[in-house]
Amino acid sequence: MSGLAKTLIVSDLHLGNGGSYDIFAGGETLPSLLRRFAAPGHTVICNGDGVDFLMNEDPLELSEARAVEQATQICQNPVTQGVLHAIGDVLAAGASVVFRLGNHDIELALPGVQATLRAHLGQPDAVRAKLQFQRGNEPAIIDAGGARILITHGEQNDEWNKVDYPHLPGPGAPSSAHAEDFRYAPGSKLVKTIMNPLKRAYGLKLIDLIKPDFQGGVLTALAVSPQAVKEVFKGSTVDLLLQLRQSKHSPTTFGSDEEDDLGLARALDAAHLTAEEQETLAAILSDGTDQPESFAFDSETLSSLTLKLAKAGLAAYAKAQRKLTGAAGQQFFALAPDETEWNEAKRLAHKYGVSAVVFGHSHAARFQQQDGLTYLNTGTWIRLISLPAPDASDEEWTDFLTLARKNPQMDPAKGQMVPILTRCTAAIIEPSPTGGASLQLIEVDPSGQLLTRAHGHIPPHEAKP
């Protein structure tokens, strides 16, 4: 580490309580990475979804007492405790640590939850009081060597996951914010009402690894076990969509004017089902279908239906992945952002007068410099599914789907399972001695070594006349 103050940004840790829903995969590597920044002047920013309050089937309502109980269970998990103690060491050394809210940890806005995290840092009161929490209704903007860099979780224009900040109570909230008026995002409701029951009752653990693409999760679950989805839906997709629409009143943050759209219908359209396949899917989900799946439907139609659902459900991640030359079977996320991500980065850069934008949320590490703008996504610290290429043959996709059906719990003890990988990625900002700052996308390998995946120079900001 040089003498210049550095900023480490991590996001989407999804620290959990150690139960069956837990998906955090950095228990061995994250504490050591954090301790590299245990020095005066350095800063660590956890940029949203640092902990996950959706890993349960409790009622989806904002209750501080329930949130404190959940936070206590998360903090008492030995793996989470190891991360929190590392954060305590960083604070004790004179560095700063900031938790910014995401869409899976809005409960961090509540004073009781903040106190619970501070109490588990393994430090005296004077040290743990330094842990900071920031709401996400406005981005953070930091100055590094004169370069202006914007940091936000990235859910602000995601129609499924926008946070209802005007009604979220806690320090810094408007006086009109009350817990009883707060509305959870449709994506959160989908996790609780569909995803979690599918995991608990039907063992579909694999859908954890395609978060936060909930539309893709539903389609993938339909492909792996349509009867399970029918049971969780209670036979009525219409009722589900109506419930989600009733929850969809949270505003777009940062001033985007795009219209609301749940996206599930568009996701299903992307599967390009034939009329016969649509009829089969409707029959599977109908309350009137009581025959066993294998006898009720034409096997060829059912096979093509589920294959199309799987490919459509996993399309976003399949397109983002690429095989590395010389590493057969091992896949990583490509770094180029898609058009939606890049356009949102440009919008925020123009609105806030910055030269670099850092997101999380999508779970896909990204980096691009173009037209005076640098965009970085810090990725995630959970396990990820290693998918066939988007242009892979139907046979390859069928083999993948077969493994998913045979071992949806992804339990090695139960035999072969879909391939998974872990990429522990983060961003490091360091002021340059000559002005401006460097911005790096780094990856931590299993041995703890830091590998630079992409980097660029951010020049000092020039104010427009």
Protein backbone atom coordinates (compact mmCIF):
# COMPACT_ATOMS: atom_id res chain seq x y z
CA MET A 1 0.00 0.00 0.00
CA SER A 2 1.30 3.45 -0.87
CA GLY A 3 1.10 6.47 1.37
CA LEU A 4 -1.80 7.93 -0.59
CA ALA A 5 -5.25 7.38 0.86
CA LYS A 6 -7.10 4.61 -0.97
CA THR A 7 -10.77 3.72 -1.21
CA LEU A 8 -11.93 0.10 -1.43
CA ILE A 9 -15.45 -0.47 -2.79
CA VAL A 10 -17.20 -3.83 -2.46
CA SER A 11 -20.84 -4.61 -3.08
CA ASP A 12 -23.37 -7.43 -3.07
CA LEU A 13 -21.72 -9.45 -0.32
CA HIS A 14 -25.13 -10.79 0.77
CA LEU A 15 -23.85 -11.69 4.23
CA GLY A 16 -26.34 -14.11 5.76
CA ASN A 17 -27.20 -16.02 8.91
CA GLY A 18 -25.55 -19.28 7.84
CA GLY A 19 -28.88 -20.95 7.07
CA SER A 20 -30.08 -22.70 3.95
CA TYR A 21 -30.57 -19.41 2.09
CA ASP A 22 -27.02 -18.14 2.67
CA ILE A 23 -25.08 -17.42 -0.56
CA PHE A 24 -22.00 -15.42 0.59
CA ALA A 25 -18.80 -17.03 -0.72
CA GLY A 26 -16.00 -14.77 0.54
CA GLY A 27 -15.53 -15.96 4.08
CA GLU A 28 -11.89 -16.86 3.50
CA THR A 29 -10.87 -13.90 1.33
CA LEU A 30 -12.87 -10.84 2.34
CA PRO A 31 -11.52 -10.34 5.89
CA SER A 32 -7.93 -10.32 4.65
CA LEU A 33 -8.81 -7.89 1.84
CA LEU A 34 -10.47 -5.54 4.30
CA ARG A 35 -7.47 -5.59 6.63
CA ARG A 36 -5.25 -4.36 3.79
CA PHE A 37 -7.04 -1.02 4.28
CA ALA A 38 -6.53 -0.88 8.04
CA ALA A 39 -4.54 2.37 8.07
CA PRO A 40 -5.34 6.03 8.71
CA GLY A 41 -6.84 7.85 5.74
CA HIS A 42 -8.13 4.80 3.90
CA THR A 43 -11.85 4.20 3.30
CA VAL A 44 -13.91 1.06 2.80
CA ILE A 45 -17.35 1.43 1.19
CA CYS A 46 -19.82 -1.44 1.16
CA ASN A 47 -21.94 -0.30 -1.77
CA GLY A 48 -25.30 -1.95 -1.09
CA ASP A 49 -26.60 -5.45 -0.30
CA GLY A 50 -23.82 -5.91 2.21
CA VAL A 51 -26.13 -8.04 4.31
CA ASP A 52 -29.29 -9.78 3.12
CA PHE A 53 -32.56 -9.43 5.03
CA LEU A 54 -34.56 -11.37 2.41
CA MET A 55 -33.05 -14.78 3.27
CA ASN A 56 -36.10 -15.90 5.23
CA GLU A 57 -39.85 -16.29 4.92
CA ASP A 58 -40.82 -13.78 7.58
CA PRO A 59 -43.63 -11.38 6.70
CA LEU A 60 -42.46 -8.71 4.29
CA GLU A 61 -43.21 -5.66 6.39
CA LEU A 62 -40.90 -3.10 7.90
CA SER A 63 -40.68 -3.94 11.61
CA GLU A 64 -37.66 -2.69 13.53
CA ALA A 65 -38.02 -5.40 16.19
CA ARG A 66 -38.06 -8.14 13.56
CA ALA A 67 -35.20 -6.51 11.64
CA VAL A 68 -33.06 -6.35 14.81
CA GLU A 69 -33.75 -10.05 15.43
CA GLN A 70 -32.73 -10.88 11.86
CA ALA A 71 -29.64 -8.69 12.12
CA THR A 72 -28.62 -10.45 15.33
CA GLN A 73 -28.87 -13.84 13.65
CA ILE A 74 -26.79 -12.59 10.72
CA CYS A 75 -24.13 -11.07 12.99
CA GLN A 76 -23.87 -14.25 15.09
CA ASN A 77 -23.11 -16.37 12.02
CA PRO A 78 -19.38 -17.18 12.38
CA VAL A 79 -18.65 -16.30 8.74
CA THR A 80 -20.39 -12.92 9.01
CA GLN A 81 -18.73 -12.39 12.38
CA GLY A 82 -15.32 -12.83 10.75
CA VAL A 83 -16.14 -10.07 8.25
CA LEU A 84 -17.48 -7.75 10.94
CA HIS A 85 -14.38 -8.23 13.11
CA ALA A 86 -12.21 -7.33 10.12
CA ILE A 87 -14.29 -4.17 9.70
CA GLY A 88 -13.72 -3.46 13.38
CA ASP A 89 -9.98 -3.78 12.88
CA VAL A 90 -10.12 -1.36 9.94
CA LEU A 91 -11.94 1.21 12.08
CA ALA A 92 -9.57 0.68 15.02
CA ALA A 93 -6.61 1.44 12.73
CA GLY A 94 -8.04 4.86 11.88
CA ALA A 95 -9.67 4.12 8.51
CA SER A 96 -13.30 4.83 7.65
CA VAL A 97 -15.98 2.25 6.84
CA VAL A 98 -19.33 3.11 5.23
CA PHE A 99 -22.32 0.87 4.60
CA ARG A 100 -24.52 2.24 1.82
CA LEU A 101 -27.99 0.77 1.49
CA GLY A 102 -29.05 -1.54 -1.33
CA ASN A 103 -32.39 -3.19 -2.07
CA HIS A 104 -31.68 -6.31 0.03
CA ASP A 105 -30.60 -4.42 3.16
CA ILE A 106 -32.92 -1.43 3.50
CA GLU A 107 -33.26 -2.44 7.17
CA LEU A 108 -29.79 -0.94 7.70
CA ALA A 109 -31.59 2.42 7.76
CA LEU A 110 -33.11 1.55 11.16
CA PRO A 111 -31.27 2.71 14.30
CA GLY A 112 -31.71 -0.62 16.08
CA VAL A 113 -30.17 -2.53 13.19
CA GLN A 114 -27.25 -0.11 12.97
CA ALA A 115 -26.64 -0.56 16.69
CA THR A 116 -26.69 -4.35 16.27
CA LEU A 117 -23.98 -4.30 13.59
CA ARG A 118 -21.83 -1.93 15.66
CA ALA A 119 -22.20 -4.20 18.70
CA HIS A 120 -20.70 -7.14 16.77
CA LEU A 121 -17.53 -5.41 15.52
CA GLY A 122 -15.47 -6.70 18.45
CA GLN A 123 -14.37 -3.18 19.37
CA PRO A 124 -14.96 -0.73 22.22
CA ASP A 125 -17.73 1.84 21.93
CA ALA A 126 -15.44 4.63 20.77
CA VAL A 127 -14.33 2.58 17.75
CA ARG A 128 -17.61 1.00 16.71
CA ALA A 129 -19.34 4.38 16.84
CA LYS A 130 -17.25 5.33 13.78
CA LEU A 131 -19.08 2.85 11.52
CA GLN A 132 -21.16 4.94 9.10
CA PHE A 133 -24.42 4.18 7.31
CA GLN A 134 -25.68 6.04 4.24
CA ARG A 135 -29.06 5.96 2.59
CA GLY A 136 -29.13 5.44 -1.16
CA ASN A 137 -31.63 8.09 -2.24
CA GLU A 138 -28.66 10.15 -3.45
CA PRO A 139 -25.35 8.83 -4.77
CA ALA A 140 -22.07 9.35 -2.95
CA ILE A 141 -19.55 11.51 -4.80
CA ILE A 142 -15.92 11.38 -3.76
CA ASP A 143 -13.01 13.57 -4.81
CA ALA A 144 -9.76 11.71 -5.40
CA GLY A 145 -6.92 13.86 -6.67
CA GLY A 146 -9.47 16.25 -8.12
CA ALA A 147 -11.31 13.46 -9.96
CA ARG A 148 -15.04 13.26 -9.20
CA ILE A 149 -16.31 9.68 -8.88
CA LEU A 150 -19.95 8.76 -8.28
CA ILE A 151 -20.85 5.68 -6.23
CA THR A 152 -24.32 4.12 -6.03
CA HIS A 153 -25.65 0.59 -5.59
CA GLY A 154 -27.32 0.69 -9.02
CA GLU A 155 -30.96 -0.22 -8.36
CA GLN A 156 -32.20 3.34 -8.86
CA ASN A 157 -33.79 2.70 -12.26
CA ASP A 158 -34.53 -1.02 -11.84
CA GLU A 159 -38.31 -1.24 -11.91
CA TRP A 160 -38.30 -4.39 -9.79
CA ASN A 161 -35.99 -3.15 -7.06
CA LYS A 162 -36.31 0.60 -6.57
CA VAL A 163 -36.30 1.48 -2.88
CA ASP A 164 -39.14 3.56 -1.43
CA TYR A 165 -36.81 6.08 0.24
CA PRO A 166 -39.47 8.76 0.81
CA HIS A 167 -41.19 6.41 3.28
CA LEU A 168 -38.12 4.65 4.74
CA PRO A 169 -37.55 5.87 8.32
CA GLY A 170 -34.23 6.24 10.07
CA PRO A 171 -31.47 8.85 10.41
CA GLY A 172 -31.54 11.25 7.47
CA ALA A 173 -35.10 10.35 6.47
CA PRO A 174 -37.73 13.01 5.73
CA SER A 175 -40.03 13.81 8.65
CA SER A 176 -42.94 12.24 6.77
CA ALA A 177 -41.25 8.80 6.59
CA HIS A 178 -43.07 6.14 8.61
CA ALA A 179 -42.58 2.37 8.60
CA GLU A 180 -46.28 1.68 8.07
CA ASP A 181 -46.20 3.63 4.80
CA PHE A 182 -43.08 1.94 3.43
CA ARG A 183 -43.58 -0.34 0.42
CA TYR A 184 -41.10 -3.07 -0.44
CA ALA A 185 -40.07 -3.31 -4.09
CA PRO A 186 -41.76 -5.93 -6.27
CA GLY A 187 -38.48 -7.81 -6.55
CA SER A 188 -38.32 -8.21 -2.77
CA LYS A 189 -41.87 -9.53 -2.74
CA LEU A 190 -41.00 -11.98 -5.48
CA VAL A 191 -38.05 -13.30 -3.46
CA LYS A 192 -40.21 -13.86 -0.40
CA THR A 193 -43.35 -15.24 -2.08
CA ILE A 194 -41.83 -17.32 -4.87
CA MET A 195 -38.07 -17.74 -4.73
CA ASN A 196 -37.70 -18.65 -1.05
CA PRO A 197 -40.60 -21.18 -1.02
CA LEU A 198 -39.18 -22.77 -4.16
CA LYS A 199 -35.84 -23.17 -2.41
CA ARG A 200 -37.28 -24.47 0.86
CA ALA A 201 -40.07 -26.75 -0.33
CA TYR A 202 -38.71 -27.88 -3.67
CA GLY A 203 -34.95 -27.59 -3.29
CA LEU A 204 -34.43 -25.14 -6.16
CA LYS A 205 -31.26 -23.71 -4.62
CA LEU A 206 -29.85 -22.85 -8.04
CA ILE A 207 -32.18 -19.88 -8.46
CA ASP A 208 -30.20 -18.11 -5.72
CA LEU A 209 -27.31 -17.76 -8.12
CA ILE A 210 -29.15 -15.75 -10.79
CA LYS A 211 -30.17 -12.93 -8.49
CA PRO A 212 -31.06 -10.13 -8.99
CA ASP A 213 -32.65 -11.17 -12.32
CA PHE A 214 -36.02 -12.19 -10.86
CA GLN A 215 -37.74 -12.53 -14.20
CA GLY A 216 -35.00 -14.92 -15.24
CA GLY A 217 -35.40 -16.73 -11.95
CA VAL A 218 -39.08 -17.39 -12.56
CA LEU A 219 -38.48 -18.64 -16.10
CA THR A 220 -35.58 -20.85 -14.95
CA ALA A 221 -37.68 -22.29 -12.13
CA LEU A 222 -40.44 -23.03 -14.64
CA ALA A 223 -37.92 -24.87 -16.81
CA VAL A 224 -36.51 -26.96 -13.95
CA SER A 225 -39.73 -27.74 -12.09
CA PRO A 226 -42.95 -26.30 -13.56
CA GLN A 227 -45.10 -28.23 -11.09
CA ALA A 228 -43.23 -26.65 -8.18
CA VAL A 229 -43.86 -23.19 -9.59
CA LYS A 230 -47.52 -24.07 -9.99
CA GLU A 231 -47.75 -24.95 -6.30
CA VAL A 232 -45.98 -21.80 -5.19
CA PHE A 233 -48.09 -19.66 -7.52
CA LYS A 234 -51.15 -21.39 -6.08
CA GLY A 235 -52.25 -21.94 -9.67
CA SER A 236 -52.74 -18.27 -10.45
CA THR A 237 -50.13 -16.13 -12.17
CA VAL A 238 -52.77 -13.44 -12.57
CA ASP A 239 -53.14 -13.01 -8.82
CA LEU A 240 -49.35 -12.83 -8.45
CA LEU A 241 -49.02 -10.13 -11.09
CA LEU A 242 -51.82 -8.14 -9.49
CA GLN A 243 -50.06 -8.35 -6.11
CA LEU A 244 -46.82 -7.18 -7.63
CA ARG A 245 -48.50 -4.31 -9.45
CA GLN A 246 -50.06 -3.19 -6.17
CA SER A 247 -46.57 -3.05 -4.64
CA LYS A 248 -45.05 -1.11 -7.49
CA HIS A 249 -45.43 2.45 -6.21
CA SER A 250 -41.87 3.27 -5.18
CA PRO A 251 -40.34 6.19 -7.08
CA THR A 252 -37.34 6.13 -9.37
CA THR A 253 -34.42 7.71 -7.54
CA PHE A 254 -32.01 10.23 -9.02
CA GLY A 255 -34.67 11.69 -11.33
CA SER A 256 -35.24 9.10 -14.08
CA ASP A 257 -38.59 9.45 -15.83
CA GLU A 258 -38.85 5.98 -17.35
CA GLU A 259 -42.22 4.30 -17.10
CA ASP A 260 -42.78 1.44 -14.68
CA ASP A 261 -42.84 -2.07 -16.14
CA LEU A 262 -42.80 -5.33 -14.23
CA GLY A 263 -40.96 -7.08 -17.03
CA LEU A 264 -42.23 -10.63 -16.46
CA ALA A 265 -44.42 -10.61 -19.56
CA ARG A 266 -41.52 -9.33 -21.66
CA ALA A 267 -39.26 -12.02 -20.22
CA LEU A 268 -41.77 -14.69 -21.20
CA ASP A 269 -42.14 -13.17 -24.66
CA ALA A 270 -38.38 -13.50 -25.10
CA ALA A 271 -38.77 -17.29 -24.95
CA HIS A 272 -40.66 -17.16 -28.30
CA LEU A 273 -43.01 -19.99 -27.36
CA THR A 274 -45.16 -21.55 -30.03
CA ALA A 275 -48.94 -21.62 -29.58
CA GLU A 276 -48.74 -25.26 -28.53
CA GLU A 277 -45.98 -24.50 -26.00
CA GLN A 278 -47.98 -21.60 -24.58
CA GLU A 279 -50.99 -23.86 -24.17
CA THR A 280 -48.85 -26.44 -22.41
CA LEU A 281 -47.43 -23.86 -20.00
CA ALA A 282 -50.90 -22.50 -19.28
CA ALA A 283 -52.15 -26.02 -18.61
CA ILE A 284 -49.29 -26.73 -16.21
CA LEU A 285 -50.10 -23.61 -14.21
CA SER A 286 -53.86 -24.12 -14.33
CA ASP A 287 -55.76 -25.16 -11.23
CA GLY A 288 -57.62 -27.65 -13.35
CA THR A 289 -54.56 -29.70 -14.31
CA ASP A 290 -54.34 -32.65 -11.92
CA GLN A 291 -52.68 -35.28 -14.12
CA PRO A 292 -49.02 -36.12 -13.56
CA GLU A 293 -46.81 -33.94 -15.73
CA SER A 294 -45.26 -36.87 -17.60
CA PHE A 295 -48.62 -38.23 -18.73
CA ALA A 296 -50.61 -35.02 -19.24
CA PHE A 297 -48.48 -33.36 -21.89
CA ASP A 298 -46.77 -34.22 -25.14
CA SER A 299 -43.16 -35.00 -24.21
CA GLU A 300 -41.66 -33.32 -27.26
CA THR A 301 -43.61 -30.12 -26.65
CA LEU A 302 -42.79 -30.16 -22.95
CA SER A 303 -39.09 -30.65 -23.74
CA SER A 304 -38.96 -27.75 -26.19
CA LEU A 305 -40.97 -25.56 -23.81
CA THR A 306 -38.63 -26.07 -20.85
CA LEU A 307 -35.54 -25.67 -23.00
CA LYS A 308 -36.79 -22.33 -24.31
CA LEU A 309 -37.71 -21.18 -20.81
CA ALA A 310 -34.26 -22.06 -19.50
CA LYS A 311 -32.44 -20.29 -22.32
CA ALA A 312 -34.66 -17.20 -22.01
CA GLY A 313 -34.42 -17.16 -18.22
CA LEU A 314 -30.65 -17.34 -18.24
CA ALA A 315 -30.11 -15.20 -21.34
CA ALA A 316 -28.84 -12.14 -19.48
CA TYR A 317 -26.05 -14.06 -17.77
CA ALA A 318 -25.31 -16.28 -20.75
CA LYS A 319 -24.69 -13.22 -22.91
CA ALA A 320 -22.45 -11.70 -20.23
CA GLN A 321 -20.18 -14.73 -19.96
CA ARG A 322 -17.35 -15.84 -22.20
CA LYS A 323 -14.87 -18.71 -22.20
CA LEU A 324 -11.26 -17.84 -21.52
CA THR A 325 -8.77 -19.12 -24.04
CA GLY A 326 -6.93 -22.10 -22.66
CA ALA A 327 -9.30 -22.53 -19.72
CA ALA A 328 -11.76 -25.06 -21.10
CA GLY A 329 -14.98 -25.21 -19.17
CA GLN A 330 -14.16 -22.19 -17.01
CA GLN A 331 -16.19 -19.06 -17.67
CA PHE A 332 -16.03 -15.50 -16.40
CA PHE A 333 -18.11 -12.44 -16.94
CA ALA A 334 -17.08 -10.28 -19.83
CA LEU A 335 -16.28 -6.75 -18.71
CA ALA A 336 -18.11 -4.67 -21.33
CA PRO A 337 -21.39 -3.27 -19.93
CA ASP A 338 -24.60 -3.67 -21.86
CA GLU A 339 -26.34 -0.68 -23.40
CA THR A 340 -28.72 -0.16 -20.47
CA GLU A 341 -25.90 -0.03 -17.92
CA TRP A 342 -23.79 2.30 -20.02
CA ASN A 343 -26.68 4.69 -20.74
CA GLU A 344 -27.52 4.89 -17.03
CA ALA A 345 -23.88 5.62 -16.21
CA LYS A 346 -23.88 8.40 -18.82
CA ARG A 347 -27.12 9.84 -17.41
CA LEU A 348 -25.73 10.01 -13.88
CA ALA A 349 -22.39 11.38 -15.05
CA HIS A 350 -24.16 14.22 -16.85
CA LYS A 351 -26.58 14.89 -13.97
CA TYR A 352 -23.91 15.01 -11.27
CA GLY A 353 -20.91 16.28 -13.21
CA VAL A 354 -18.59 13.32 -12.66
CA SER A 355 -16.04 11.50 -14.81
CA ALA A 356 -16.49 8.01 -13.35
CA VAL A 357 -19.45 5.97 -12.10
CA VAL A 358 -19.27 2.88 -9.85
CA PHE A 359 -22.24 0.49 -9.54
CA GLY A 360 -23.00 -2.86 -7.95
CA HIS A 361 -26.42 -4.61 -7.98
CA SER A 362 -26.14 -6.60 -11.24
CA HIS A 363 -23.63 -9.12 -9.81
CA ALA A 364 -21.57 -8.78 -13.01
CA ALA A 365 -18.12 -7.17 -12.83
CA ARG A 366 -17.77 -4.50 -15.54
CA PHE A 367 -15.27 -1.92 -16.74
CA GLN A 368 -15.31 0.47 -19.67
CA GLN A 369 -13.71 3.80 -20.58
CA GLN A 370 -15.20 5.73 -23.48
CA ASP A 371 -15.86 9.34 -24.44
CA GLY A 372 -14.38 10.71 -21.21
CA LEU A 373 -16.45 8.44 -18.94
CA THR A 374 -15.27 5.48 -16.89
CA TYR A 375 -17.79 2.89 -15.70
CA LEU A 376 -17.05 0.13 -13.20
CA ASN A 377 -19.30 -2.48 -11.61
CA THR A 378 -17.80 -4.16 -8.57
CA GLY A 379 -19.56 -7.51 -9.12
CA THR A 380 -20.55 -9.80 -6.25
CA TRP A 381 -19.15 -12.10 -3.57
CA ILE A 382 -21.60 -14.96 -4.05
CA ARG A 383 -21.26 -18.12 -6.12
CA LEU A 384 -22.28 -17.85 -9.77
CA ILE A 385 -23.59 -20.39 -12.25
CA SER A 386 -21.20 -21.19 -15.09
CA LEU A 387 -23.47 -21.28 -18.14
CA PRO A 388 -23.26 -22.59 -21.67
CA ALA A 389 -22.47 -19.94 -24.24
CA PRO A 390 -25.54 -18.09 -25.56
CA ASP A 391 -24.95 -19.65 -28.98
CA ALA A 392 -24.35 -23.14 -27.58
CA SER A 393 -26.23 -26.02 -29.14
CA ASP A 394 -29.58 -27.22 -27.81
CA GLU A 395 -27.77 -30.36 -26.71
CA GLU A 396 -25.44 -28.37 -24.45
CA TRP A 397 -28.35 -26.45 -22.94
CA THR A 398 -30.32 -29.68 -22.50
CA ASP A 399 -27.38 -31.25 -20.65
CA PHE A 400 -27.22 -28.18 -18.39
CA LEU A 401 -30.96 -28.37 -17.72
CA THR A 402 -30.74 -32.09 -16.98
CA LEU A 403 -28.11 -31.45 -14.30
CA ALA A 404 -30.25 -28.67 -12.84
CA ARG A 405 -33.22 -31.03 -12.56
CA LYS A 406 -31.20 -33.89 -11.10
CA ASN A 407 -29.56 -31.78 -8.40
CA PRO A 408 -31.44 -28.48 -7.99
CA GLN A 409 -30.10 -28.23 -4.42
CA MET A 410 -26.54 -28.08 -5.86
CA ASP A 411 -25.43 -30.48 -3.15
CA PRO A 412 -22.15 -32.24 -4.08
CA ALA A 413 -23.20 -35.17 -1.90
CA LYS A 414 -26.14 -35.78 -4.24
CA GLY A 415 -24.04 -36.17 -7.36
CA GLN A 416 -23.07 -34.08 -10.35
CA MET A 417 -24.47 -30.55 -10.43
CA VAL A 418 -24.44 -27.49 -12.66
CA PRO A 419 -20.96 -25.93 -12.72
CA ILE A 420 -20.42 -22.93 -10.47
CA LEU A 421 -17.68 -20.36 -10.00
CA THR A 422 -16.76 -17.58 -7.63
CA ARG A 423 -15.31 -14.20 -8.57
CA CYS A 424 -14.46 -12.02 -5.58
CA THR A 425 -14.16 -8.61 -7.21
CA ALA A 426 -13.90 -5.04 -5.95
CA ALA A 427 -12.83 -1.53 -6.94
CA ILE A 428 -9.86 0.44 -5.64
CA ILE A 429 -9.57 4.20 -6.07
CA GLU A 430 -6.19 5.82 -5.49
CA PRO A 431 -5.29 9.49 -6.01
CA SER A 432 -2.43 10.06 -8.41
CA PRO A 433 0.56 12.15 -7.21
CA THR A 434 0.29 14.16 -10.42
CA GLY A 435 -3.47 14.74 -10.20
CA GLY A 436 -6.54 12.68 -10.89
CA ALA A 437 -6.93 9.11 -9.71
CA SER A 438 -6.55 5.52 -10.79
CA LEU A 439 -9.63 3.28 -10.76
CA GLN A 440 -9.01 -0.47 -10.68
CA LEU A 441 -11.26 -3.50 -10.96
CA ILE A 442 -9.49 -6.12 -8.88
CA GLU A 443 -10.15 -9.80 -8.19
CA VAL A 444 -9.03 -11.67 -5.09
CA ASP A 445 -7.87 -15.19 -5.89
CA PRO A 446 -8.23 -18.06 -3.36
CA SER A 447 -4.71 -17.43 -2.04
CA GLY A 448 -5.57 -13.80 -1.26
CA GLN A 449 -3.53 -12.32 -4.09
CA LEU A 450 -4.96 -9.21 -5.75
CA LEU A 451 -5.27 -9.47 -9.53
CA THR A 452 -5.94 -6.36 -11.59
CA ARG A 453 -8.63 -7.17 -14.16
CA ALA A 454 -8.97 -3.64 -15.58
CA HIS A 455 -7.80 -0.15 -14.71
CA GLY A 456 -7.83 3.39 -15.97
CA HIS A 457 -6.88 6.96 -15.08
CA ILE A 458 -9.59 9.43 -14.10
CA PRO A 459 -8.43 12.99 -14.83
CA PRO A 460 -9.14 15.90 -12.49
CA HIS A 461 -12.60 17.30 -12.99
CA GLU A 462 -12.83 20.38 -15.14
CA ALA A 463 -15.76 22.60 -14.22
CA LYS A 464 -17.73 23.81 -17.20
CA PRO A 465 -17.72 27.59 -17.67
